[in-house]
Amino acid sequence: MLVQKRDSSQNSVSIPTIKVRVKYGSSFHDIRISSQASFGELKKMLAEPTGLHPQDQKLIFKNKERSSKAYLDAERVRDGSKIVLVEDIVSRERRCLEMLKNVKVEMASKSLAEISLKVDKLAGQLTALETTASRGGQVSKMDVENLTEIFMEKLVKLDGIVAEGDLKMPRMVQVRRVQKHIETLDALKLQNSKPRNNGGKSPCQPQADSSRQQSMPMQIQQVQLRQ
């Protein structure tokens, strides 16, 4: 709510203070205020005694609602004038919806930041596994599976974030980032399961690997549908 104030250029002129009686429901509030104040300033002064947010107030003077930008003296409000205050239900509901929207956006932004930080740390572990594999070392199957499971959990959390407006792109970036890490882990697992000797097959390769590799793209596709 904009509260308009006059540019006081005549400092030598004393501005009188008036007392207005404001009726709200069955209660009356006597407010002392500058005669040259605006109705918006009066609303601010009424917020504490009435418990109404200034944006949720309507001030009725002489059977007409007055704008927050209008001045008391310009609208012929005098000392002892009576003003009626009513609650603006539509404005209150609009303001509450806006507040809820802002809270949701803040929570989504916070969740994305936390996931991004966690993925940064997990990416470091993935890099260590890739380095070991590139040097011909044996990558632990357990490490690969555990890391894959954690990345999948992050993917599910990203799927649960309702991102709107400016948050859509950051969420999509994180989803693609996690998907890429999962694909890298699948490649490491496939490389780890290949025979290391001539014609010899690795006895460690489980049958469940193929089924998980088939089911994982389906989970990734489900997240992509929400982007």
C-alpha atoms as a PDB file:
ATOM      1  CA  MET A   1       0.000   0.000   0.000  1.00  0.00           C
ATOM      2  CA  LEU A   2       1.423   3.335  -1.084  1.00  0.00           C
ATOM      3  CA  VAL A   3       1.285   6.095   1.470  1.00  0.00           C
ATOM      4  CA  GLN A   4       1.584   9.506  -0.144  1.00  0.00           C
ATOM      5  CA  LYS A   5       3.140  12.340   1.852  1.00  0.00           C
ATOM      6  CA  ARG A   6       3.116  16.004   1.049  1.00  0.00           C
ATOM      7  CA  ASP A   7       6.261  17.956   0.430  1.00  0.00           C
ATOM      8  CA  SER A   8       6.197  20.352   3.366  1.00  0.00           C
ATOM      9  CA  SER A   9       7.811  23.560   2.122  1.00  0.00           C
ATOM     10  CA  GLN A  10       6.307  25.944   4.661  1.00  0.00           C
ATOM     11  CA  ASN A  11       8.051  24.981   7.893  1.00  0.00           C
ATOM     12  CA  SER A  12       6.833  28.134   9.649  1.00  0.00           C
ATOM     13  CA  VAL A  13       3.171  27.135   9.291  1.00  0.00           C
ATOM     14  CA  SER A  14       1.922  24.988  12.139  1.00  0.00           C
ATOM     15  CA  ILE A  15      -0.053  21.958  10.946  1.00  0.00           C
ATOM     16  CA  PRO A  16      -2.977  21.256  13.276  1.00  0.00           C
ATOM     17  CA  THR A  17      -3.603  17.855  14.790  1.00  0.00           C
ATOM     18  CA  ILE A  18      -7.158  16.568  14.719  1.00  0.00           C
ATOM     19  CA  LYS A  19      -8.927  13.746  16.516  1.00  0.00           C
ATOM     20  CA  VAL A  20     -11.081  11.423  14.429  1.00  0.00           C
ATOM     21  CA  ARG A  21     -13.333   8.684  15.739  1.00  0.00           C
ATOM     22  CA  VAL A  22     -13.096   5.438  13.789  1.00  0.00           C
ATOM     23  CA  LYS A  23     -15.828   2.843  14.162  1.00  0.00           C
ATOM     24  CA  TYR A  24     -14.815  -0.779  13.574  1.00  0.00           C
ATOM     25  CA  GLY A  25     -17.553  -3.292  14.279  1.00  0.00           C
ATOM     26  CA  SER A  26     -18.881  -2.444  17.729  1.00  0.00           C
ATOM     27  CA  SER A  27     -15.651  -0.705  18.793  1.00  0.00           C
ATOM     28  CA  PHE A  28     -14.609   2.945  18.546  1.00  0.00           C
ATOM     29  CA  HIS A  29     -11.039   4.198  18.256  1.00  0.00           C
ATOM     30  CA  ASP A  30     -10.082   7.831  18.802  1.00  0.00           C
ATOM     31  CA  ILE A  31      -7.031   8.623  16.695  1.00  0.00           C
ATOM     32  CA  ARG A  32      -5.021  11.834  16.844  1.00  0.00           C
ATOM     33  CA  ILE A  33      -3.422  12.558  13.486  1.00  0.00           C
ATOM     34  CA  SER A  34      -2.167  15.441  11.364  1.00  0.00           C
ATOM     35  CA  SER A  35      -4.941  17.147   9.457  1.00  0.00           C
ATOM     36  CA  GLN A  36      -2.789  16.916   6.316  1.00  0.00           C
ATOM     37  CA  ALA A  37      -2.101  13.183   6.663  1.00  0.00           C
ATOM     38  CA  SER A  38      -3.376  10.703   4.114  1.00  0.00           C
ATOM     39  CA  PHE A  39      -5.929   7.972   4.646  1.00  0.00           C
ATOM     40  CA  GLY A  40      -3.070   5.509   4.093  1.00  0.00           C
ATOM     41  CA  GLU A  41      -1.257   6.948   7.117  1.00  0.00           C
ATOM     42  CA  LEU A  42      -4.460   6.638   9.134  1.00  0.00           C
ATOM     43  CA  LYS A  43      -4.710   2.976   8.127  1.00  0.00           C
ATOM     44  CA  LYS A  44      -1.203   2.390   9.445  1.00  0.00           C
ATOM     45  CA  MET A  45      -2.152   3.934  12.789  1.00  0.00           C
ATOM     46  CA  LEU A  46      -5.263   1.727  12.950  1.00  0.00           C
ATOM     47  CA  ALA A  47      -3.349  -1.503  12.291  1.00  0.00           C
ATOM     48  CA  GLU A  48      -2.287  -2.033  15.916  1.00  0.00           C
ATOM     49  CA  PRO A  49      -5.557  -1.279  17.745  1.00  0.00           C
ATOM     50  CA  THR A  50      -7.719  -3.155  15.234  1.00  0.00           C
ATOM     51  CA  GLY A  51      -5.379  -5.992  14.308  1.00  0.00           C
ATOM     52  CA  LEU A  52      -6.046  -5.397  10.607  1.00  0.00           C
ATOM     53  CA  HIS A  53      -3.246  -5.128   8.087  1.00  0.00           C
ATOM     54  CA  PRO A  54      -3.347  -1.702   6.346  1.00  0.00           C
ATOM     55  CA  GLN A  55      -3.943  -3.419   2.997  1.00  0.00           C
ATOM     56  CA  ASP A  56      -6.982  -5.189   4.445  1.00  0.00           C
ATOM     57  CA  GLN A  57      -8.707  -1.957   5.519  1.00  0.00           C
ATOM     58  CA  LYS A  58     -11.407   0.087   3.870  1.00  0.00           C
ATOM     59  CA  LEU A  59     -12.100   3.542   5.287  1.00  0.00           C
ATOM     60  CA  ILE A  60     -15.573   4.948   4.686  1.00  0.00           C
ATOM     61  CA  PHE A  61     -16.139   8.664   5.173  1.00  0.00           C
ATOM     62  CA  LYS A  62     -19.528  10.217   4.417  1.00  0.00           C
ATOM     63  CA  ASN A  63     -20.745   6.930   2.887  1.00  0.00           C
ATOM     64  CA  LYS A  64     -17.849   6.786   0.425  1.00  0.00           C
ATOM     65  CA  GLU A  65     -14.695   4.680   0.454  1.00  0.00           C
ATOM     66  CA  ARG A  66     -11.605   6.848   0.449  1.00  0.00           C
ATOM     67  CA  SER A  67      -8.372   6.066  -1.365  1.00  0.00           C
ATOM     68  CA  SER A  68      -5.197   5.546   0.667  1.00  0.00           C
ATOM     69  CA  LYS A  69      -3.605   8.330  -1.378  1.00  0.00           C
ATOM     70  CA  ALA A  70      -6.310  10.856  -0.529  1.00  0.00           C
ATOM     71  CA  TYR A  71      -5.592  13.502   2.131  1.00  0.00           C
ATOM     72  CA  LEU A  72      -7.816  14.038   5.151  1.00  0.00           C
ATOM     73  CA  ASP A  73      -8.157  17.812   4.757  1.00  0.00           C
ATOM     74  CA  ALA A  74      -8.753  17.520   1.011  1.00  0.00           C
ATOM     75  CA  GLU A  75     -11.654  15.174   1.762  1.00  0.00           C
ATOM     76  CA  ARG A  76     -12.936  17.633   4.403  1.00  0.00           C
ATOM     77  CA  VAL A  77     -12.134  15.471   7.427  1.00  0.00           C
ATOM     78  CA  ARG A  78     -12.297  17.733  10.478  1.00  0.00           C
ATOM     79  CA  ASP A  79     -11.625  17.464  14.180  1.00  0.00           C
ATOM     80  CA  GLY A  80     -14.278  15.123  15.588  1.00  0.00           C
ATOM     81  CA  SER A  81     -15.167  13.582  12.218  1.00  0.00           C
ATOM     82  CA  LYS A  82     -16.407   9.997  12.225  1.00  0.00           C
ATOM     83  CA  ILE A  83     -14.966   7.359   9.913  1.00  0.00           C
ATOM     84  CA  VAL A  84     -16.082   3.759   9.457  1.00  0.00           C
ATOM     85  CA  LEU A  85     -13.533   0.984   9.077  1.00  0.00           C
ATOM     86  CA  VAL A  86     -14.457  -2.312   7.385  1.00  0.00           C
ATOM     87  CA  GLU A  87     -12.318  -5.300   6.531  1.00  0.00           C
ATOM     88  CA  ASP A  88     -11.468  -5.823   2.860  1.00  0.00           C
ATOM     89  CA  ILE A  89     -11.957  -9.591   2.568  1.00  0.00           C
ATOM     90  CA  VAL A  90     -10.849  -9.791  -1.072  1.00  0.00           C
ATOM     91  CA  SER A  91      -7.630  -7.913  -0.361  1.00  0.00           C
ATOM     92  CA  ARG A  92      -6.911 -10.095   2.674  1.00  0.00           C
ATOM     93  CA  GLU A  93      -7.381 -13.319   0.690  1.00  0.00           C
ATOM     94  CA  ARG A  94      -5.228 -11.992  -2.155  1.00  0.00           C
ATOM     95  CA  ARG A  95      -2.484 -10.987   0.272  1.00  0.00           C
ATOM     96  CA  CYS A  96      -2.596 -14.380   2.050  1.00  0.00           C
ATOM     97  CA  LEU A  97      -2.343 -16.243  -1.251  1.00  0.00           C
ATOM     98  CA  GLU A  98       0.640 -14.121  -2.210  1.00  0.00           C
ATOM     99  CA  MET A  99       2.292 -14.871   1.119  1.00  0.00           C
ATOM    100  CA  LEU A 100       1.713 -18.623   0.679  1.00  0.00           C
ATOM    101  CA  LYS A 101       3.149 -18.450  -2.823  1.00  0.00           C
ATOM    102  CA  ASN A 102       6.246 -16.668  -1.554  1.00  0.00           C
ATOM    103  CA  VAL A 103       6.697 -19.277   1.197  1.00  0.00           C
ATOM    104  CA  LYS A 104       6.465 -22.119  -1.342  1.00  0.00           C
ATOM    105  CA  VAL A 105       8.982 -20.432  -3.621  1.00  0.00           C
ATOM    106  CA  GLU A 106      11.353 -19.891  -0.699  1.00  0.00           C
ATOM    107  CA  MET A 107      11.052 -23.547   0.397  1.00  0.00           C
ATOM    108  CA  ALA A 108      11.597 -24.813  -3.159  1.00  0.00           C
ATOM    109  CA  SER A 109      14.641 -22.566  -3.565  1.00  0.00           C
ATOM    110  CA  LYS A 110      16.070 -23.788  -0.269  1.00  0.00           C
ATOM    111  CA  SER A 111      15.510 -27.453  -1.226  1.00  0.00           C
ATOM    112  CA  LEU A 112      17.221 -26.943  -4.591  1.00  0.00           C
ATOM    113  CA  ALA A 113      20.204 -25.306  -2.901  1.00  0.00           C
ATOM    114  CA  GLU A 114      20.539 -28.178  -0.407  1.00  0.00           C
ATOM    115  CA  ILE A 115      20.321 -30.818  -3.149  1.00  0.00           C
ATOM    116  CA  SER A 116      22.850 -28.941  -5.280  1.00  0.00           C
ATOM    117  CA  LEU A 117      25.304 -28.844  -2.386  1.00  0.00           C
ATOM    118  CA  LYS A 118      24.861 -32.550  -1.702  1.00  0.00           C
ATOM    119  CA  VAL A 119      25.263 -33.435  -5.379  1.00  0.00           C
ATOM    120  CA  ASP A 120      28.521 -31.445  -5.430  1.00  0.00           C
ATOM    121  CA  LYS A 121      29.898 -33.670  -2.672  1.00  0.00           C
ATOM    122  CA  LEU A 122      28.642 -36.855  -4.329  1.00  0.00           C
ATOM    123  CA  ALA A 123      30.193 -35.769  -7.627  1.00  0.00           C
ATOM    124  CA  GLY A 124      33.558 -35.715  -5.875  1.00  0.00           C
ATOM    125  CA  GLN A 125      33.096 -39.361  -4.851  1.00  0.00           C
ATOM    126  CA  LEU A 126      32.117 -40.236  -8.406  1.00  0.00           C
ATOM    127  CA  THR A 127      35.230 -38.543  -9.759  1.00  0.00           C
ATOM    128  CA  ALA A 128      37.359 -40.643  -7.412  1.00  0.00           C
ATOM    129  CA  LEU A 129      35.750 -43.841  -8.748  1.00  0.00           C
ATOM    130  CA  GLU A 130      36.300 -42.727 -12.350  1.00  0.00           C
ATOM    131  CA  THR A 131      39.956 -41.994 -11.611  1.00  0.00           C
ATOM    132  CA  THR A 132      40.439 -45.471 -10.151  1.00  0.00           C
ATOM    133  CA  ALA A 133      38.781 -47.094 -13.158  1.00  0.00           C
ATOM    134  CA  SER A 134      40.785 -45.026 -15.659  1.00  0.00           C
ATOM    135  CA  ARG A 135      44.013 -46.231 -14.035  1.00  0.00           C
ATOM    136  CA  GLY A 136      42.969 -49.846 -14.429  1.00  0.00           C
ATOM    137  CA  GLY A 137      42.019 -50.308 -10.802  1.00  0.00           C
ATOM    138  CA  GLN A 138      39.124 -52.387  -9.540  1.00  0.00           C
ATOM    139  CA  VAL A 139      36.115 -50.268  -8.555  1.00  0.00           C
ATOM    140  CA  SER A 140      34.111 -51.626  -5.660  1.00  0.00           C
ATOM    141  CA  LYS A 141      30.723 -52.868  -6.797  1.00  0.00           C
ATOM    142  CA  MET A 142      29.270 -51.868  -3.430  1.00  0.00           C
ATOM    143  CA  ASP A 143      30.553 -48.296  -3.791  1.00  0.00           C
ATOM    144  CA  VAL A 144      29.003 -47.967  -7.230  1.00  0.00           C
ATOM    145  CA  GLU A 145      25.633 -49.331  -6.112  1.00  0.00           C
ATOM    146  CA  ASN A 146      25.514 -47.212  -2.959  1.00  0.00           C
ATOM    147  CA  LEU A 147      26.375 -44.044  -4.857  1.00  0.00           C
ATOM    148  CA  THR A 148      23.793 -44.868  -7.530  1.00  0.00           C
ATOM    149  CA  GLU A 149      21.132 -45.346  -4.868  1.00  0.00           C
ATOM    150  CA  ILE A 150      21.916 -41.975  -3.288  1.00  0.00           C
ATOM    151  CA  PHE A 151      21.736 -40.215  -6.654  1.00  0.00           C
ATOM    152  CA  MET A 152      18.383 -41.902  -7.302  1.00  0.00           C
ATOM    153  CA  GLU A 153      17.127 -40.561  -3.974  1.00  0.00           C
ATOM    154  CA  LYS A 154      18.152 -37.049  -5.017  1.00  0.00           C
ATOM    155  CA  LEU A 155      16.318 -37.541  -8.300  1.00  0.00           C
ATOM    156  CA  VAL A 156      13.147 -38.480  -6.436  1.00  0.00           C
ATOM    157  CA  LYS A 157      13.471 -35.385  -4.213  1.00  0.00           C
ATOM    158  CA  LEU A 158      13.890 -33.193  -7.275  1.00  0.00           C
ATOM    159  CA  ASP A 159      10.774 -34.787  -8.725  1.00  0.00           C
ATOM    160  CA  GLY A 160       8.859 -33.713  -5.617  1.00  0.00           C
ATOM    161  CA  ILE A 161       9.858 -30.049  -5.848  1.00  0.00           C
ATOM    162  CA  VAL A 162       7.173 -27.856  -7.386  1.00  0.00           C
ATOM    163  CA  ALA A 163       9.255 -25.297  -9.242  1.00  0.00           C
ATOM    164  CA  GLU A 164       7.568 -22.283 -10.810  1.00  0.00           C
ATOM    165  CA  GLY A 165       8.832 -19.232 -12.626  1.00  0.00           C
ATOM    166  CA  ASP A 166      12.553 -18.623 -12.201  1.00  0.00           C
ATOM    167  CA  LEU A 167      13.039 -21.947 -10.364  1.00  0.00           C
ATOM    168  CA  LYS A 168      12.070 -24.126 -13.331  1.00  0.00           C
ATOM    169  CA  MET A 169      15.432 -23.837 -15.038  1.00  0.00           C
ATOM    170  CA  PRO A 170      17.591 -24.486 -11.914  1.00  0.00           C
ATOM    171  CA  ARG A 171      15.504 -27.579 -11.146  1.00  0.00           C
ATOM    172  CA  MET A 172      15.893 -28.860 -14.699  1.00  0.00           C
ATOM    173  CA  VAL A 173      19.656 -28.294 -14.532  1.00  0.00           C
ATOM    174  CA  GLN A 174      19.904 -30.328 -11.329  1.00  0.00           C
ATOM    175  CA  VAL A 175      17.746 -33.140 -12.761  1.00  0.00           C
ATOM    176  CA  ARG A 176      19.940 -33.445 -15.864  1.00  0.00           C
ATOM    177  CA  ARG A 177      23.049 -33.264 -13.735  1.00  0.00           C
ATOM    178  CA  VAL A 178      21.946 -36.132 -11.498  1.00  0.00           C
ATOM    179  CA  GLN A 179      20.814 -38.183 -14.507  1.00  0.00           C
ATOM    180  CA  LYS A 180      24.258 -37.771 -16.077  1.00  0.00           C
ATOM    181  CA  HIS A 181      25.954 -38.979 -12.883  1.00  0.00           C
ATOM    182  CA  ILE A 182      23.686 -42.045 -12.796  1.00  0.00           C
ATOM    183  CA  GLU A 183      24.552 -42.826 -16.416  1.00  0.00           C
ATOM    184  CA  THR A 184      28.265 -42.539 -15.564  1.00  0.00           C
ATOM    185  CA  LEU A 185      27.830 -44.979 -12.668  1.00  0.00           C
ATOM    186  CA  ASP A 186      26.015 -47.438 -14.924  1.00  0.00           C
ATOM    187  CA  ALA A 187      28.927 -47.238 -17.362  1.00  0.00           C
ATOM    188  CA  LEU A 188      31.369 -47.893 -14.517  1.00  0.00           C
ATOM    189  CA  LYS A 189      29.368 -50.890 -13.370  1.00  0.00           C
ATOM    190  CA  LEU A 190      29.236 -52.264 -16.900  1.00  0.00           C
ATOM    191  CA  GLN A 191      32.976 -51.789 -17.282  1.00  0.00           C
ATOM    192  CA  ASN A 192      33.573 -53.442 -13.924  1.00  0.00           C
ATOM    193  CA  SER A 193      31.551 -56.498 -14.947  1.00  0.00           C
ATOM    194  CA  LYS A 194      33.472 -57.134 -18.174  1.00  0.00           C
ATOM    195  CA  PRO A 195      35.877 -60.097 -18.217  1.00  0.00           C
ATOM    196  CA  ARG A 196      39.449 -59.195 -17.372  1.00  0.00           C
ATOM    197  CA  ASN A 197      41.020 -62.402 -18.682  1.00  0.00           C
ATOM    198  CA  ASN A 198      40.868 -64.011 -22.130  1.00  0.00           C
ATOM    199  CA  GLY A 199      37.350 -65.270 -22.599  1.00  0.00           C
ATOM    200  CA  GLY A 200      36.773 -65.501 -18.857  1.00  0.00           C
ATOM    201  CA  LYS A 201      33.534 -64.249 -17.418  1.00  0.00           C
ATOM    202  CA  SER A 202      33.307 -62.410 -14.183  1.00  0.00           C
ATOM    203  CA  PRO A 203      31.551 -64.582 -11.605  1.00  0.00           C
ATOM    204  CA  CYS A 204      30.455 -61.423  -9.720  1.00  0.00           C
ATOM    205  CA  GLN A 205      28.060 -60.179 -12.360  1.00  0.00           C
ATOM    206  CA  PRO A 206      24.543 -60.463 -10.870  1.00  0.00           C
ATOM    207  CA  GLN A 207      21.431 -61.113 -12.939  1.00  0.00           C
ATOM    208  CA  ALA A 208      19.694 -58.226 -11.167  1.00  0.00           C
ATOM    209  CA  ASP A 209      21.995 -55.734 -12.921  1.00  0.00           C
ATOM    210  CA  SER A 210      20.153 -55.939 -16.229  1.00  0.00           C
ATOM    211  CA  SER A 211      16.763 -55.538 -14.605  1.00  0.00           C
ATOM    212  CA  ARG A 212      17.896 -52.460 -12.632  1.00  0.00           C
ATOM    213  CA  GLN A 213      19.437 -50.952 -15.754  1.00  0.00           C
ATOM    214  CA  GLN A 214      16.133 -51.479 -17.570  1.00  0.00           C
ATOM    215  CA  SER A 215      14.019 -50.014 -14.779  1.00  0.00           C
ATOM    216  CA  MET A 216      16.251 -46.987 -14.108  1.00  0.00           C
ATOM    217  CA  PRO A 217      15.575 -45.229 -17.453  1.00  0.00           C
ATOM    218  CA  MET A 218      11.850 -45.503 -16.698  1.00  0.00           C
ATOM    219  CA  GLN A 219      12.369 -43.642 -13.390  1.00  0.00           C
ATOM    220  CA  ILE A 220      14.465 -41.013 -15.146  1.00  0.00           C
ATOM    221  CA  GLN A 221      11.789 -40.596 -17.833  1.00  0.00           C
ATOM    222  CA  GLN A 222       9.162 -40.005 -15.144  1.00  0.00           C
ATOM    223  CA  VAL A 223      11.209 -37.102 -13.778  1.00  0.00           C
ATOM    224  CA  GLN A 224      11.711 -35.737 -17.299  1.00  0.00           C
ATOM    225  CA  LEU A 225       7.943 -35.662 -17.827  1.00  0.00           C
ATOM    226  CA  ARG A 226       7.604 -33.218 -14.904  1.00  0.00           C
ATOM    227  CA  GLN A 227      10.139 -30.741 -16.300  1.00  0.00           C
END
